[in-house]
Amino acid sequence: MPGELFEELLSVACVRERAAGLRWYEAFFGRPADEVIGEEALWRVGSDAYLVVDERPERAGACTITFAVRGLDAMLARMAEAGIRPEHAERYGNGVHHVTIVDPDGNSLSLAEAPPGFAP
């Protein structure tokens, strides 16, 4: 859409049960939601990007999101303390460290960290 300006990105992870989903995502992010709007909990993941957790049992587990991050090892250590561990981890030939974490409802959340000085 050349010429269009998208102001924000809101990605939605649907969960079967709101309270359980919020507890898991609080552990994943290491903090409570930044905003709660109606039944949706929003975590700010970038200057204009949010992950929204919403109870929609019929859509639970259909989400796939990749986050570009810094400090992946520290994040993984914090998550491990909360019992969250990657389902898959690899390091690409270009040095990017990539892990996939699956929430209890089956949503796939990948974290990718580029090495210092990385230029695509």
Protein backbone atom coordinates (compact mmCIF):
# COMPACT_ATOMS: atom_id res chain seq x y z
CA MET A 1 0.00 0.00 0.00
CA PRO A 2 2.39 2.68 -1.15
CA GLY A 3 1.67 6.04 0.39
CA GLU A 4 -0.40 4.66 3.26
CA LEU A 5 0.71 5.29 6.80
CA PHE A 6 0.10 2.60 9.36
CA GLU A 7 0.30 4.16 12.80
CA GLU A 8 0.39 1.12 15.09
CA LEU A 9 0.70 -2.64 14.96
CA LEU A 10 -1.49 -4.72 17.25
CA SER A 11 -0.95 -8.46 17.05
CA VAL A 12 -3.45 -10.66 18.88
CA ALA A 13 -2.75 -13.89 20.74
CA CYS A 14 -6.06 -15.61 21.46
CA VAL A 15 -6.30 -17.72 24.60
CA ARG A 16 -8.91 -20.19 25.83
CA GLU A 17 -9.18 -18.75 29.33
CA ARG A 18 -8.38 -15.11 30.13
CA ALA A 19 -7.02 -15.40 33.70
CA ALA A 20 -4.67 -18.29 32.85
CA GLY A 21 -3.55 -16.55 29.65
CA LEU A 22 -2.80 -13.31 31.47
CA ARG A 23 -0.73 -15.14 34.12
CA TRP A 24 1.34 -16.86 31.42
CA TYR A 25 1.93 -13.67 29.41
CA GLU A 26 2.85 -11.76 32.58
CA ALA A 27 5.54 -14.40 33.16
CA PHE A 28 6.60 -14.28 29.48
CA PHE A 29 7.02 -10.49 29.50
CA GLY A 30 8.12 -10.26 33.13
CA ARG A 31 5.48 -7.65 33.92
CA PRO A 32 1.73 -7.07 33.98
CA ALA A 33 -0.06 -5.77 30.88
CA ASP A 34 0.69 -2.14 30.05
CA GLU A 35 -2.97 -1.46 29.33
CA VAL A 36 -6.28 -3.23 29.73
CA ILE A 37 -9.01 -2.12 27.36
CA GLY A 38 -12.26 -3.93 27.98
CA GLU A 39 -11.41 -7.63 27.97
CA GLU A 40 -8.13 -7.19 26.08
CA ALA A 41 -4.73 -6.93 27.78
CA LEU A 42 -2.03 -5.08 25.84
CA TRP A 43 1.74 -5.34 26.23
CA ARG A 44 3.75 -2.63 24.51
CA VAL A 45 6.52 -4.39 22.55
CA GLY A 46 7.80 -1.46 20.48
CA SER A 47 7.32 2.26 20.10
CA ASP A 48 4.03 1.70 18.26
CA ALA A 49 3.55 -2.05 18.51
CA TYR A 50 1.52 -4.12 20.97
CA LEU A 51 0.76 -7.74 21.69
CA VAL A 52 -2.90 -8.08 22.65
CA VAL A 53 -4.07 -11.09 24.65
CA ASP A 54 -7.77 -11.77 24.19
CA GLU A 55 -10.00 -14.62 25.30
CA ARG A 56 -11.33 -16.23 22.12
CA PRO A 57 -11.38 -20.00 22.67
CA GLU A 58 -12.38 -20.73 19.08
CA ARG A 59 -9.21 -18.97 17.79
CA ALA A 60 -6.76 -20.00 20.55
CA GLY A 61 -3.46 -21.37 19.32
CA ALA A 62 -3.57 -19.82 15.84
CA CYS A 63 -1.01 -17.05 16.51
CA THR A 64 2.55 -16.96 15.17
CA ILE A 65 4.62 -13.87 16.02
CA THR A 66 8.35 -13.16 15.84
CA PHE A 67 9.92 -10.47 18.01
CA ALA A 68 13.35 -8.98 17.23
CA VAL A 69 14.95 -8.58 20.66
CA ARG A 70 18.11 -7.51 22.48
CA GLY A 71 19.35 -9.36 25.55
CA LEU A 72 17.87 -12.72 24.59
CA ASP A 73 19.96 -14.76 27.05
CA ALA A 74 18.79 -12.63 29.99
CA MET A 75 15.19 -12.90 28.79
CA LEU A 76 15.46 -16.68 28.55
CA ALA A 77 16.98 -16.91 32.03
CA ARG A 78 14.13 -14.82 33.49
CA MET A 79 11.53 -16.92 31.67
CA ALA A 80 13.16 -20.18 32.83
CA GLU A 81 12.72 -19.02 36.42
CA ALA A 82 8.98 -18.78 35.66
CA GLY A 83 8.99 -22.26 34.08
CA ILE A 84 8.88 -21.03 30.47
CA ARG A 85 11.37 -22.73 28.18
CA PRO A 86 11.90 -22.65 24.42
CA GLU A 87 10.47 -25.48 22.39
CA HIS A 88 13.09 -24.92 19.70
CA ALA A 89 16.38 -22.98 19.57
CA GLU A 90 18.92 -22.50 16.83
CA ARG A 91 21.64 -20.17 15.64
CA TYR A 92 21.55 -19.33 11.94
CA GLY A 93 24.66 -19.17 9.75
CA ASN A 94 24.50 -15.36 9.90
CA GLY A 95 24.73 -15.49 13.70
CA VAL A 96 21.07 -14.74 14.50
CA HIS A 97 19.96 -16.60 17.63
CA HIS A 98 16.34 -17.75 17.25
CA VAL A 99 14.11 -19.49 19.78
CA THR A 100 10.46 -20.51 19.66
CA ILE A 101 8.28 -20.55 22.75
CA VAL A 102 4.77 -21.97 22.64
CA ASP A 103 2.17 -20.76 25.12
CA PRO A 104 -0.19 -23.24 26.85
CA ASP A 105 -2.83 -22.60 24.17
CA GLY A 106 -0.46 -23.35 21.27
CA ASN A 107 0.40 -19.80 20.15
CA SER A 108 3.94 -19.65 18.77
CA LEU A 109 6.14 -16.77 19.92
CA SER A 110 9.61 -16.56 18.41
CA LEU A 111 12.41 -14.38 19.72
CA ALA A 112 15.31 -13.50 17.43
CA GLU A 113 18.48 -11.64 18.36
CA ALA A 114 20.99 -10.48 15.78
CA PRO A 115 24.70 -10.54 16.69
CA PRO A 116 26.52 -7.22 17.33
CA GLY A 117 27.26 -5.40 14.09
CA PHE A 118 24.76 -7.49 12.12
CA ALA A 119 23.81 -6.00 8.76
CA PRO A 120 21.16 -7.84 6.73
